[in-house]
């Protein structure tokens, strides 16, 4: 209900106008950002930009396979951001690429402790465990990847490597064939499968796999031919 202004005295009206003005001003002030808010947002913006810069440098270095640079950048960045899983994932990957398995494993496990569903970390961890000849741990990590993403090809190649190292050649064949089913143009899977057949004494099957391998990667085909010519005798 609108109250007629004639009901108020001049003094009352003046007080009312001042009170309303003060309330309006107070309400407006509540919506104005404080200097502290601006400062916090600015700091967060700089931190986000800094993280993006570091991840960008890591991506560039990894694409050029400059793994020592990746390790250097990541270790330096982690001094300030020890819980940054993106940066630590790169570090674990770089250690794995340089066959520093015992350094890769704890880095990747730290990522997983912070992000229990990190597919990339589990995938690289399965590879690192296999490289370190920890077959059961590799199998567990690879199966975790498959649970997270059944179409992850690397999970099956790592699984094949682990089963092969363990001496379970039948399971290794199954894993490598699954990898080939997912990506028929992956030469590493053909090469590994042929070597498992060689280890099992199945030269005929190894030669069958050699045909598509040679088309995809002639150098690997020649390398396999050398072993086949020796009756699948292992090098060294």
C-alpha atoms as a PDB file:
ATOM      1  CA  UNK A   1       0.000   0.000   0.000  1.00  0.00           C
ATOM      2  CA  UNK A   2       1.369   3.396  -0.950  1.00  0.00           C
ATOM      3  CA  UNK A   3       1.197   5.831   2.045  1.00  0.00           C
ATOM      4  CA  UNK A   4       0.197   9.453   1.247  1.00  0.00           C
ATOM      5  CA  UNK A   5       3.105  11.791   1.864  1.00  0.00           C
ATOM      6  CA  UNK A   6       0.825  14.247   3.667  1.00  0.00           C
ATOM      7  CA  UNK A   7       0.715  11.904   6.688  1.00  0.00           C
ATOM      8  CA  UNK A   8       4.366  12.657   7.521  1.00  0.00           C
ATOM      9  CA  UNK A   9       5.815  15.803   9.039  1.00  0.00           C
ATOM     10  CA  UNK A  10       8.755  17.478   7.321  1.00  0.00           C
ATOM     11  CA  UNK A  11      11.151  16.205  10.012  1.00  0.00           C
ATOM     12  CA  UNK A  12       9.832  12.652   9.717  1.00  0.00           C
ATOM     13  CA  UNK A  13      10.020  12.822   5.961  1.00  0.00           C
ATOM     14  CA  UNK A  14      13.644  13.995   6.045  1.00  0.00           C
ATOM     15  CA  UNK A  15      14.578  11.162   8.422  1.00  0.00           C
ATOM     16  CA  UNK A  16      12.838   8.660   6.208  1.00  0.00           C
ATOM     17  CA  UNK A  17      14.626   9.881   3.099  1.00  0.00           C
ATOM     18  CA  UNK A  18      18.002   9.687   4.851  1.00  0.00           C
ATOM     19  CA  UNK A  19      17.242   6.183   6.188  1.00  0.00           C
ATOM     20  CA  UNK A  20      16.121   4.915   2.793  1.00  0.00           C
ATOM     21  CA  UNK A  21      19.197   6.425   1.173  1.00  0.00           C
ATOM     22  CA  UNK A  22      21.478   4.775   3.713  1.00  0.00           C
ATOM     23  CA  UNK A  23      19.829   1.381   3.205  1.00  0.00           C
ATOM     24  CA  UNK A  24      20.094   1.746  -0.560  1.00  0.00           C
ATOM     25  CA  UNK A  25      23.746   2.643  -0.286  1.00  0.00           C
ATOM     26  CA  UNK A  26      24.390  -0.251   2.078  1.00  0.00           C
ATOM     27  CA  UNK A  27      22.656  -2.649  -0.299  1.00  0.00           C
ATOM     28  CA  UNK A  28      24.700  -1.407  -3.224  1.00  0.00           C
ATOM     29  CA  UNK A  29      27.918  -1.815  -1.268  1.00  0.00           C
ATOM     30  CA  UNK A  30      27.095  -5.464  -0.629  1.00  0.00           C
ATOM     31  CA  UNK A  31      27.325  -6.135  -4.364  1.00  0.00           C
ATOM     32  CA  UNK A  32      30.606  -4.304  -4.928  1.00  0.00           C
ATOM     33  CA  UNK A  33      33.635  -6.623  -4.993  1.00  0.00           C
ATOM     34  CA  UNK A  34      36.121  -5.941  -2.242  1.00  0.00           C
ATOM     35  CA  UNK A  35      39.790  -5.305  -3.037  1.00  0.00           C
ATOM     36  CA  UNK A  36      40.543  -8.649  -1.360  1.00  0.00           C
ATOM     37  CA  UNK A  37      38.205 -10.469  -3.778  1.00  0.00           C
ATOM     38  CA  UNK A  38      39.875  -8.830  -6.774  1.00  0.00           C
ATOM     39  CA  UNK A  39      43.285  -9.754  -5.426  1.00  0.00           C
ATOM     40  CA  UNK A  40      42.288 -13.403  -4.835  1.00  0.00           C
ATOM     41  CA  UNK A  41      40.856 -13.714  -8.346  1.00  0.00           C
ATOM     42  CA  UNK A  42      43.988 -12.188  -9.804  1.00  0.00           C
ATOM     43  CA  UNK A  43      46.182 -14.651  -7.903  1.00  0.00           C
ATOM     44  CA  UNK A  44      44.014 -17.598  -9.003  1.00  0.00           C
ATOM     45  CA  UNK A  45      44.195 -16.398 -12.576  1.00  0.00           C
ATOM     46  CA  UNK A  46      47.966 -16.182 -12.455  1.00  0.00           C
ATOM     47  CA  UNK A  47      48.203 -19.653 -10.892  1.00  0.00           C
ATOM     48  CA  UNK A  48      45.958 -21.149 -13.576  1.00  0.00           C
ATOM     49  CA  UNK A  49      47.979 -19.470 -16.299  1.00  0.00           C
ATOM     50  CA  UNK A  50      51.211 -20.681 -14.716  1.00  0.00           C
ATOM     51  CA  UNK A  51      49.910 -24.263 -14.620  1.00  0.00           C
ATOM     52  CA  UNK A  52      48.800 -24.048 -18.249  1.00  0.00           C
ATOM     53  CA  UNK A  53      52.242 -22.725 -19.215  1.00  0.00           C
ATOM     54  CA  UNK A  54      53.984 -25.628 -17.459  1.00  0.00           C
ATOM     55  CA  UNK A  55      51.666 -28.248 -18.969  1.00  0.00           C
ATOM     56  CA  UNK A  56      52.163 -26.658 -22.381  1.00  0.00           C
ATOM     57  CA  UNK A  57      55.944 -26.899 -22.047  1.00  0.00           C
ATOM     58  CA  UNK A  58      55.676 -30.513 -20.904  1.00  0.00           C
ATOM     59  CA  UNK A  59      53.457 -31.390 -23.860  1.00  0.00           C
ATOM     60  CA  UNK A  60      55.852 -29.727 -26.315  1.00  0.00           C
ATOM     61  CA  UNK A  61      58.869 -31.503 -24.833  1.00  0.00           C
ATOM     62  CA  UNK A  62      57.085 -34.885 -24.806  1.00  0.00           C
ATOM     63  CA  UNK A  63      55.995 -34.539 -28.425  1.00  0.00           C
ATOM     64  CA  UNK A  64      59.626 -34.024 -29.410  1.00  0.00           C
ATOM     65  CA  UNK A  65      60.544 -36.958 -27.123  1.00  0.00           C
ATOM     66  CA  UNK A  66      62.877 -34.757 -25.107  1.00  0.00           C
ATOM     67  CA  UNK A  67      62.324 -36.795 -21.964  1.00  0.00           C
ATOM     68  CA  UNK A  68      65.188 -35.305 -19.980  1.00  0.00           C
ATOM     69  CA  UNK A  69      63.624 -31.879 -20.445  1.00  0.00           C
ATOM     70  CA  UNK A  70      60.235 -33.228 -19.351  1.00  0.00           C
ATOM     71  CA  UNK A  71      61.835 -34.625 -16.193  1.00  0.00           C
ATOM     72  CA  UNK A  72      63.615 -31.357 -15.457  1.00  0.00           C
ATOM     73  CA  UNK A  73      60.539 -29.152 -15.993  1.00  0.00           C
ATOM     74  CA  UNK A  74      58.229 -31.463 -14.037  1.00  0.00           C
ATOM     75  CA  UNK A  75      60.538 -31.836 -11.051  1.00  0.00           C
ATOM     76  CA  UNK A  76      60.989 -28.070 -10.827  1.00  0.00           C
ATOM     77  CA  UNK A  77      57.239 -27.406 -11.073  1.00  0.00           C
ATOM     78  CA  UNK A  78      56.401 -30.031  -8.460  1.00  0.00           C
ATOM     79  CA  UNK A  79      58.480 -28.173  -5.869  1.00  0.00           C
ATOM     80  CA  UNK A  80      55.712 -25.554  -5.866  1.00  0.00           C
ATOM     81  CA  UNK A  81      52.753 -27.803  -6.745  1.00  0.00           C
ATOM     82  CA  UNK A  82      53.442 -31.266  -5.276  1.00  0.00           C
ATOM     83  CA  UNK A  83      49.802 -32.371  -5.658  1.00  0.00           C
ATOM     84  CA  UNK A  84      49.475 -31.422  -9.314  1.00  0.00           C
ATOM     85  CA  UNK A  85      48.537 -34.768 -10.876  1.00  0.00           C
ATOM     86  CA  UNK A  86      48.875 -33.518 -14.451  1.00  0.00           C
ATOM     87  CA  UNK A  87      52.508 -32.537 -13.962  1.00  0.00           C
ATOM     88  CA  UNK A  88      53.333 -35.689 -11.966  1.00  0.00           C
ATOM     89  CA  UNK A  89      51.734 -37.846 -14.655  1.00  0.00           C
ATOM     90  CA  UNK A  90      54.139 -36.364 -17.201  1.00  0.00           C
ATOM     91  CA  UNK A  91      57.043 -37.096 -14.862  1.00  0.00           C
ATOM     92  CA  UNK A  92      56.032 -40.738 -14.448  1.00  0.00           C
ATOM     93  CA  UNK A  93      55.614 -41.057 -18.204  1.00  0.00           C
ATOM     94  CA  UNK A  94      59.056 -39.554 -18.880  1.00  0.00           C
ATOM     95  CA  UNK A  95      60.699 -41.896 -16.384  1.00  0.00           C
ATOM     96  CA  UNK A  96      58.971 -44.858 -18.075  1.00  0.00           C
ATOM     97  CA  UNK A  97      60.066 -43.692 -21.534  1.00  0.00           C
ATOM     98  CA  UNK A  98      63.672 -43.630 -20.333  1.00  0.00           C
ATOM     99  CA  UNK A  99      63.302 -47.052 -18.660  1.00  0.00           C
ATOM    100  CA  UNK A 100      63.729 -45.568 -15.195  1.00  0.00           C
ATOM    101  CA  UNK A 101      61.086 -47.943 -13.905  1.00  0.00           C
ATOM    102  CA  UNK A 102      61.866 -47.616 -10.201  1.00  0.00           C
ATOM    103  CA  UNK A 103      61.383 -43.850 -10.433  1.00  0.00           C
ATOM    104  CA  UNK A 104      58.289 -44.044 -12.615  1.00  0.00           C
ATOM    105  CA  UNK A 105      56.362 -46.393 -10.329  1.00  0.00           C
ATOM    106  CA  UNK A 106      56.193 -44.203  -7.185  1.00  0.00           C
ATOM    107  CA  UNK A 107      55.360 -41.090  -9.222  1.00  0.00           C
ATOM    108  CA  UNK A 108      52.436 -42.815 -10.911  1.00  0.00           C
ATOM    109  CA  UNK A 109      51.237 -44.310  -7.641  1.00  0.00           C
ATOM    110  CA  UNK A 110      51.156 -40.806  -6.176  1.00  0.00           C
ATOM    111  CA  UNK A 111      48.929 -39.693  -9.036  1.00  0.00           C
ATOM    112  CA  UNK A 112      46.605 -42.638  -8.415  1.00  0.00           C
ATOM    113  CA  UNK A 113      46.486 -41.905  -4.670  1.00  0.00           C
ATOM    114  CA  UNK A 114      45.086 -38.465  -5.541  1.00  0.00           C
ATOM    115  CA  UNK A 115      43.002 -39.618  -8.519  1.00  0.00           C
ATOM    116  CA  UNK A 116      42.011 -43.301  -8.087  1.00  0.00           C
ATOM    117  CA  UNK A 117      40.327 -43.413 -11.510  1.00  0.00           C
ATOM    118  CA  UNK A 118      43.164 -41.874 -13.550  1.00  0.00           C
ATOM    119  CA  UNK A 119      43.275 -44.084 -16.649  1.00  0.00           C
ATOM    120  CA  UNK A 120      46.524 -42.677 -18.049  1.00  0.00           C
ATOM    121  CA  UNK A 121      48.355 -43.166 -14.767  1.00  0.00           C
ATOM    122  CA  UNK A 122      47.226 -46.799 -14.480  1.00  0.00           C
ATOM    123  CA  UNK A 123      48.168 -47.454 -18.110  1.00  0.00           C
ATOM    124  CA  UNK A 124      51.693 -46.111 -17.708  1.00  0.00           C
ATOM    125  CA  UNK A 125      51.986 -47.869 -14.351  1.00  0.00           C
ATOM    126  CA  UNK A 126      51.155 -51.226 -15.964  1.00  0.00           C
ATOM    127  CA  UNK A 127      53.934 -50.559 -18.470  1.00  0.00           C
ATOM    128  CA  UNK A 128      56.395 -49.532 -15.748  1.00  0.00           C
ATOM    129  CA  UNK A 129      55.654 -52.613 -13.633  1.00  0.00           C
ATOM    130  CA  UNK A 130      56.212 -54.841 -16.660  1.00  0.00           C
ATOM    131  CA  UNK A 131      59.464 -53.038 -17.419  1.00  0.00           C
ATOM    132  CA  UNK A 132      60.524 -53.711 -13.835  1.00  0.00           C
ATOM    133  CA  UNK A 133      59.505 -57.368 -14.199  1.00  0.00           C
ATOM    134  CA  UNK A 134      56.759 -57.055 -11.606  1.00  0.00           C
ATOM    135  CA  UNK A 135      54.366 -59.161 -13.624  1.00  0.00           C
ATOM    136  CA  UNK A 136      51.456 -59.539 -11.202  1.00  0.00           C
ATOM    137  CA  UNK A 137      51.411 -55.837 -10.386  1.00  0.00           C
ATOM    138  CA  UNK A 138      51.436 -55.054 -14.104  1.00  0.00           C
ATOM    139  CA  UNK A 139      48.506 -57.400 -14.730  1.00  0.00           C
ATOM    140  CA  UNK A 140      46.506 -55.783 -11.936  1.00  0.00           C
ATOM    141  CA  UNK A 141      47.182 -52.270 -13.248  1.00  0.00           C
ATOM    142  CA  UNK A 142      46.335 -53.272 -16.831  1.00  0.00           C
ATOM    143  CA  UNK A 143      43.069 -54.886 -15.744  1.00  0.00           C
ATOM    144  CA  UNK A 144      42.186 -51.683 -13.882  1.00  0.00           C
ATOM    145  CA  UNK A 145      42.664 -49.759 -17.129  1.00  0.00           C
ATOM    146  CA  UNK A 146      40.419 -52.208 -18.972  1.00  0.00           C
ATOM    147  CA  UNK A 147      37.766 -51.749 -16.298  1.00  0.00           C
ATOM    148  CA  UNK A 148      37.960 -47.969 -16.768  1.00  0.00           C
ATOM    149  CA  UNK A 149      38.134 -48.153 -20.562  1.00  0.00           C
ATOM    150  CA  UNK A 150      37.720 -51.504 -22.357  1.00  0.00           C
ATOM    151  CA  UNK A 151      38.921 -49.891 -25.611  1.00  0.00           C
ATOM    152  CA  UNK A 152      42.345 -48.893 -24.263  1.00  0.00           C
ATOM    153  CA  UNK A 153      44.774 -50.656 -26.605  1.00  0.00           C
ATOM    154  CA  UNK A 154      47.817 -50.081 -24.412  1.00  0.00           C
ATOM    155  CA  UNK A 155      46.139 -51.969 -21.577  1.00  0.00           C
ATOM    156  CA  UNK A 156      46.100 -55.132 -23.711  1.00  0.00           C
ATOM    157  CA  UNK A 157      49.675 -54.756 -25.009  1.00  0.00           C
ATOM    158  CA  UNK A 158      50.889 -54.243 -21.440  1.00  0.00           C
ATOM    159  CA  UNK A 159      48.813 -57.207 -20.346  1.00  0.00           C
ATOM    160  CA  UNK A 160      50.356 -59.303 -23.116  1.00  0.00           C
ATOM    161  CA  UNK A 161      53.853 -58.279 -22.054  1.00  0.00           C
ATOM    162  CA  UNK A 162      53.150 -59.140 -18.414  1.00  0.00           C
ATOM    163  CA  UNK A 163      51.605 -62.536 -19.214  1.00  0.00           C
ATOM    164  CA  UNK A 164      54.495 -63.313 -21.558  1.00  0.00           C
ATOM    165  CA  UNK A 165      57.025 -62.398 -18.898  1.00  0.00           C
ATOM    166  CA  UNK A 166      55.171 -64.549 -16.408  1.00  0.00           C
ATOM    167  CA  UNK A 167      55.259 -67.479 -18.819  1.00  0.00           C
ATOM    168  CA  UNK A 168      51.511 -67.581 -19.435  1.00  0.00           C
ATOM    169  CA  UNK A 169      51.812 -67.579 -23.227  1.00  0.00           C
ATOM    170  CA  UNK A 170      48.183 -68.525 -23.868  1.00  0.00           C
ATOM    171  CA  UNK A 171      46.944 -65.444 -21.981  1.00  0.00           C
ATOM    172  CA  UNK A 172      49.582 -63.328 -23.704  1.00  0.00           C
ATOM    173  CA  UNK A 173      48.299 -64.402 -27.128  1.00  0.00           C
ATOM    174  CA  UNK A 174      44.728 -63.543 -26.109  1.00  0.00           C
ATOM    175  CA  UNK A 175      45.790 -60.077 -24.905  1.00  0.00           C
ATOM    176  CA  UNK A 176      47.774 -59.236 -28.035  1.00  0.00           C
ATOM    177  CA  UNK A 177      45.000 -60.463 -30.302  1.00  0.00           C
ATOM    178  CA  UNK A 178      42.562 -58.225 -28.464  1.00  0.00           C
ATOM    179  CA  UNK A 179      44.893 -55.263 -29.052  1.00  0.00           C
ATOM    180  CA  UNK A 180      45.006 -56.113 -32.769  1.00  0.00           C
ATOM    181  CA  UNK A 181      41.217 -56.399 -32.883  1.00  0.00           C
ATOM    182  CA  UNK A 182      40.974 -52.896 -31.438  1.00  0.00           C
ATOM    183  CA  UNK A 183      43.591 -51.498 -33.818  1.00  0.00           C
ATOM    184  CA  UNK A 184      44.534 -53.733 -36.796  1.00  0.00           C
ATOM    185  CA  UNK A 185      47.238 -51.250 -37.807  1.00  0.00           C
ATOM    186  CA  UNK A 186      49.295 -51.440 -34.620  1.00  0.00           C
ATOM    187  CA  UNK A 187      52.623 -53.080 -35.637  1.00  0.00           C
ATOM    188  CA  UNK A 188      53.951 -53.454 -32.094  1.00  0.00           C
ATOM    189  CA  UNK A 189      51.072 -55.771 -31.204  1.00  0.00           C
ATOM    190  CA  UNK A 190      51.763 -57.984 -34.262  1.00  0.00           C
ATOM    191  CA  UNK A 191      55.472 -58.091 -33.484  1.00  0.00           C
ATOM    192  CA  UNK A 192      54.902 -59.009 -29.845  1.00  0.00           C
ATOM    193  CA  UNK A 193      52.319 -61.634 -30.792  1.00  0.00           C
ATOM    194  CA  UNK A 194      54.703 -63.233 -33.291  1.00  0.00           C
ATOM    195  CA  UNK A 195      57.414 -63.380 -30.643  1.00  0.00           C
ATOM    196  CA  UNK A 196      55.056 -65.073 -28.211  1.00  0.00           C
ATOM    197  CA  UNK A 197      54.282 -67.670 -30.885  1.00  0.00           C
ATOM    198  CA  UNK A 198      58.027 -68.129 -31.332  1.00  0.00           C
ATOM    199  CA  UNK A 199      58.484 -68.598 -27.593  1.00  0.00           C
ATOM    200  CA  UNK A 200      55.739 -71.227 -27.695  1.00  0.00           C
ATOM    201  CA  UNK A 201      57.446 -72.996 -30.611  1.00  0.00           C
ATOM    202  CA  UNK A 202      54.587 -72.182 -32.973  1.00  0.00           C
ATOM    203  CA  UNK A 203      56.625 -71.082 -36.004  1.00  0.00           C
ATOM    204  CA  UNK A 204      53.714 -71.500 -38.391  1.00  0.00           C
ATOM    205  CA  UNK A 205      51.555 -69.053 -36.438  1.00  0.00           C
ATOM    206  CA  UNK A 206      54.489 -66.658 -36.116  1.00  0.00           C
ATOM    207  CA  UNK A 207      54.902 -66.603 -39.900  1.00  0.00           C
ATOM    208  CA  UNK A 208      51.186 -65.966 -40.374  1.00  0.00           C
ATOM    209  CA  UNK A 209      51.480 -62.885 -38.160  1.00  0.00           C
ATOM    210  CA  UNK A 210      54.660 -61.813 -39.943  1.00  0.00           C
ATOM    211  CA  UNK A 211      52.796 -61.045 -43.187  1.00  0.00           C
ATOM    212  CA  UNK A 212      50.634 -58.154 -41.917  1.00  0.00           C
ATOM    213  CA  UNK A 213      53.520 -57.005 -39.710  1.00  0.00           C
ATOM    214  CA  UNK A 214      55.857 -56.626 -42.683  1.00  0.00           C
ATOM    215  CA  UNK A 215      53.255 -54.569 -44.543  1.00  0.00           C
ATOM    216  CA  UNK A 216      52.770 -52.238 -41.579  1.00  0.00           C
ATOM    217  CA  UNK A 217      56.386 -51.993 -40.431  1.00  0.00           C
ATOM    218  CA  UNK A 218      58.988 -53.499 -42.818  1.00  0.00           C
ATOM    219  CA  UNK A 219      61.842 -53.029 -40.336  1.00  0.00           C
ATOM    220  CA  UNK A 220      60.061 -55.009 -37.639  1.00  0.00           C
ATOM    221  CA  UNK A 221      59.179 -57.620 -40.240  1.00  0.00           C
ATOM    222  CA  UNK A 222      62.874 -58.034 -41.101  1.00  0.00           C
ATOM    223  CA  UNK A 223      63.781 -58.217 -37.419  1.00  0.00           C
ATOM    224  CA  UNK A 224      61.237 -60.983 -36.911  1.00  0.00           C
ATOM    225  CA  UNK A 225      62.492 -62.800 -40.019  1.00  0.00           C
ATOM    226  CA  UNK A 226      65.967 -62.905 -38.491  1.00  0.00           C
ATOM    227  CA  UNK A 227      64.603 -64.698 -35.456  1.00  0.00           C
ATOM    228  CA  UNK A 228      62.425 -67.021 -37.522  1.00  0.00           C
ATOM    229  CA  UNK A 229      65.430 -67.966 -39.662  1.00  0.00           C
ATOM    230  CA  UNK A 230      67.177 -69.131 -36.486  1.00  0.00           C
ATOM    231  CA  UNK A 231      64.249 -71.298 -35.512  1.00  0.00           C
ATOM    232  CA  UNK A 232      62.914 -68.690 -33.120  1.00  0.00           C
ATOM    233  CA  UNK A 233      66.089 -68.742 -31.085  1.00  0.00           C
ATOM    234  CA  UNK A 234      66.106 -65.898 -28.603  1.00  0.00           C
ATOM    235  CA  UNK A 235      68.761 -63.215 -28.986  1.00  0.00           C
ATOM    236  CA  UNK A 236      71.433 -63.165 -26.307  1.00  0.00           C
END
